[in-house]
N, C-alpha and C. Protein backbone atom coordinates (compact mmCIF):
# COMPACT_ATOMS: atom_id res chain seq x y z
N MET A 1 1.00 -85.05 -21.62
CA MET A 1 0.82 -85.40 -20.25
C MET A 1 -0.66 -85.55 -19.99
N ALA A 2 -1.06 -86.59 -19.30
CA ALA A 2 -2.48 -86.84 -19.05
C ALA A 2 -2.78 -86.81 -17.57
N LEU A 3 -3.83 -86.10 -17.22
CA LEU A 3 -4.37 -86.16 -15.87
C LEU A 3 -5.42 -87.26 -15.90
N VAL A 4 -5.20 -88.32 -15.16
CA VAL A 4 -6.09 -89.47 -15.20
C VAL A 4 -6.78 -89.59 -13.85
N THR A 5 -8.07 -89.79 -13.88
CA THR A 5 -8.82 -89.98 -12.65
C THR A 5 -10.01 -90.87 -12.92
N ASP A 6 -10.43 -91.61 -11.91
CA ASP A 6 -11.63 -92.42 -12.04
C ASP A 6 -12.73 -91.88 -11.15
N GLN A 7 -12.56 -90.66 -10.65
CA GLN A 7 -13.53 -90.06 -9.77
C GLN A 7 -14.08 -88.79 -10.38
N THR A 8 -15.38 -88.56 -10.20
CA THR A 8 -15.97 -87.31 -10.67
C THR A 8 -16.15 -86.32 -9.54
N SER A 9 -16.06 -86.78 -8.29
CA SER A 9 -16.22 -85.87 -7.15
C SER A 9 -14.91 -85.80 -6.37
N VAL A 10 -13.93 -85.17 -6.94
CA VAL A 10 -12.62 -85.01 -6.33
C VAL A 10 -12.56 -83.61 -5.72
N SER A 11 -11.96 -83.50 -4.53
CA SER A 11 -11.87 -82.18 -3.90
C SER A 11 -10.91 -81.29 -4.67
N LEU A 12 -11.13 -80.00 -4.56
CA LEU A 12 -10.26 -79.03 -5.23
C LEU A 12 -8.83 -79.18 -4.74
N ARG A 13 -8.63 -79.43 -3.47
CA ARG A 13 -7.28 -79.61 -2.92
C ARG A 13 -6.60 -80.84 -3.53
N ASP A 14 -7.35 -81.94 -3.67
CA ASP A 14 -6.78 -83.14 -4.30
C ASP A 14 -6.39 -82.85 -5.75
N LEU A 15 -7.23 -82.09 -6.46
CA LEU A 15 -6.91 -81.74 -7.84
C LEU A 15 -5.66 -80.86 -7.89
N GLU A 16 -5.56 -79.89 -6.97
CA GLU A 16 -4.38 -79.03 -6.94
C GLU A 16 -3.13 -79.86 -6.70
N ASP A 17 -3.20 -80.83 -5.78
CA ASP A 17 -2.05 -81.69 -5.51
C ASP A 17 -1.67 -82.50 -6.74
N ARG A 18 -2.67 -83.04 -7.42
CA ARG A 18 -2.41 -83.85 -8.62
C ARG A 18 -1.80 -83.00 -9.74
N VAL A 19 -2.39 -81.82 -9.97
CA VAL A 19 -1.88 -80.92 -11.01
C VAL A 19 -0.46 -80.48 -10.65
N CYS A 20 -0.23 -80.16 -9.39
CA CYS A 20 1.10 -79.71 -8.96
C CYS A 20 2.15 -80.80 -9.18
N SER A 21 1.78 -82.06 -8.94
CA SER A 21 2.74 -83.15 -9.14
C SER A 21 3.08 -83.34 -10.62
N LEU A 22 2.11 -83.05 -11.50
CA LEU A 22 2.34 -83.22 -12.93
C LEU A 22 2.89 -81.97 -13.61
N LEU A 23 2.57 -80.80 -13.07
CA LEU A 23 3.00 -79.52 -13.64
C LEU A 23 3.63 -78.67 -12.54
N PRO A 24 4.80 -79.07 -12.05
CA PRO A 24 5.38 -78.41 -10.88
C PRO A 24 5.80 -76.95 -11.09
N ARG A 25 5.89 -76.49 -12.30
CA ARG A 25 6.34 -75.12 -12.54
C ARG A 25 5.22 -74.08 -12.56
N LEU A 26 3.99 -74.51 -12.36
CA LEU A 26 2.89 -73.55 -12.33
C LEU A 26 2.98 -72.71 -11.06
N CYS A 27 2.69 -71.43 -11.18
CA CYS A 27 2.63 -70.57 -10.00
C CYS A 27 1.32 -70.88 -9.27
N PRO A 28 1.19 -70.46 -8.02
CA PRO A 28 -0.02 -70.78 -7.25
C PRO A 28 -1.33 -70.36 -7.93
N ALA A 29 -1.36 -69.21 -8.56
CA ALA A 29 -2.58 -68.76 -9.23
C ALA A 29 -2.91 -69.66 -10.42
N GLU A 30 -1.89 -70.05 -11.20
CA GLU A 30 -2.11 -70.94 -12.34
C GLU A 30 -2.54 -72.32 -11.86
N LEU A 31 -1.97 -72.77 -10.78
CA LEU A 31 -2.31 -74.06 -10.20
C LEU A 31 -3.78 -74.09 -9.78
N ALA A 32 -4.23 -73.04 -9.10
CA ALA A 32 -5.62 -72.96 -8.68
C ALA A 32 -6.55 -72.91 -9.89
N ASP A 33 -6.19 -72.14 -10.90
CA ASP A 33 -7.01 -72.06 -12.13
C ASP A 33 -7.09 -73.41 -12.82
N MET A 34 -5.97 -74.08 -12.94
CA MET A 34 -5.95 -75.38 -13.62
C MET A 34 -6.78 -76.40 -12.85
N ALA A 35 -6.67 -76.42 -11.53
CA ALA A 35 -7.46 -77.35 -10.71
C ALA A 35 -8.95 -77.06 -10.86
N ARG A 36 -9.32 -75.80 -10.88
CA ARG A 36 -10.73 -75.43 -11.05
C ARG A 36 -11.25 -75.88 -12.41
N ILE A 37 -10.46 -75.66 -13.45
CA ILE A 37 -10.85 -76.06 -14.81
C ILE A 37 -10.98 -77.58 -14.91
N VAL A 38 -10.02 -78.30 -14.35
CA VAL A 38 -10.07 -79.76 -14.38
C VAL A 38 -11.30 -80.26 -13.62
N GLY A 39 -11.59 -79.66 -12.48
CA GLY A 39 -12.78 -80.04 -11.72
C GLY A 39 -14.05 -79.84 -12.51
N THR A 40 -14.14 -78.73 -13.22
CA THR A 40 -15.31 -78.44 -14.05
C THR A 40 -15.45 -79.48 -15.16
N LEU A 41 -14.34 -79.80 -15.81
CA LEU A 41 -14.36 -80.82 -16.88
C LEU A 41 -14.78 -82.18 -16.34
N LEU A 42 -14.26 -82.55 -15.16
CA LEU A 42 -14.62 -83.84 -14.57
C LEU A 42 -16.11 -83.93 -14.27
N ARG A 43 -16.66 -82.88 -13.69
CA ARG A 43 -18.09 -82.89 -13.36
C ARG A 43 -18.97 -82.88 -14.61
N ALA A 44 -18.58 -82.13 -15.61
CA ALA A 44 -19.42 -81.97 -16.80
C ALA A 44 -19.35 -83.16 -17.76
N PHE A 45 -18.17 -83.75 -17.91
CA PHE A 45 -17.99 -84.74 -18.96
C PHE A 45 -17.52 -86.12 -18.50
N GLN A 46 -17.11 -86.26 -17.25
CA GLN A 46 -16.58 -87.52 -16.72
C GLN A 46 -15.55 -88.17 -17.65
N PRO A 47 -14.52 -87.42 -18.07
CA PRO A 47 -13.54 -87.99 -19.00
C PRO A 47 -12.65 -89.02 -18.31
N GLU A 48 -12.12 -89.93 -19.10
CA GLU A 48 -11.14 -90.89 -18.58
C GLU A 48 -9.78 -90.22 -18.40
N ARG A 49 -9.47 -89.29 -19.30
CA ARG A 49 -8.18 -88.59 -19.26
C ARG A 49 -8.39 -87.16 -19.72
N ILE A 50 -7.54 -86.29 -19.21
CA ILE A 50 -7.48 -84.92 -19.69
C ILE A 50 -6.03 -84.68 -20.07
N TYR A 51 -5.81 -84.39 -21.33
CA TYR A 51 -4.45 -84.20 -21.83
C TYR A 51 -4.05 -82.73 -21.74
N VAL A 52 -2.86 -82.51 -21.22
CA VAL A 52 -2.29 -81.17 -21.13
C VAL A 52 -1.10 -81.14 -22.08
N PHE A 53 -1.06 -80.16 -22.93
CA PHE A 53 0.04 -80.09 -23.89
C PHE A 53 0.53 -78.66 -24.00
N GLY A 54 1.69 -78.50 -24.60
CA GLY A 54 2.29 -77.19 -24.75
C GLY A 54 3.59 -77.09 -23.97
N SER A 55 4.19 -75.93 -24.01
CA SER A 55 5.50 -75.75 -23.41
C SER A 55 5.49 -75.95 -21.90
N ARG A 56 4.43 -75.56 -21.22
CA ARG A 56 4.38 -75.74 -19.76
C ARG A 56 4.28 -77.22 -19.40
N ALA A 57 3.52 -77.98 -20.15
CA ALA A 57 3.40 -79.41 -19.89
C ALA A 57 4.71 -80.14 -20.15
N ARG A 58 5.49 -79.64 -21.11
CA ARG A 58 6.78 -80.23 -21.44
C ARG A 58 7.90 -79.70 -20.57
N HIS A 59 7.61 -78.74 -19.70
CA HIS A 59 8.63 -78.07 -18.86
C HIS A 59 9.67 -77.39 -19.74
N ALA A 60 9.24 -76.82 -20.86
CA ALA A 60 10.14 -76.16 -21.79
C ALA A 60 9.74 -74.70 -21.98
N LEU A 61 9.61 -74.00 -20.87
CA LEU A 61 9.21 -72.59 -20.95
C LEU A 61 10.30 -71.75 -21.59
N SER A 62 9.88 -70.83 -22.37
CA SER A 62 10.86 -69.90 -22.94
C SER A 62 10.60 -68.52 -22.35
N PRO A 63 11.64 -67.69 -22.27
CA PRO A 63 11.49 -66.38 -21.65
C PRO A 63 10.58 -65.45 -22.42
């Protein structure tokens, strides 16, 4: 799953909304952490895409 953006100055709320739409099973604390991390990556590296992988990205959580 890729988070794609063409902006480097995106608000934290916009990032949370984007992450929530792509990773709907994250709890609020995880959502805030992921948005903060993505924001940091965008400002530092201006990537075209940020790939998220693993069981949470696949919606295949195990107990």
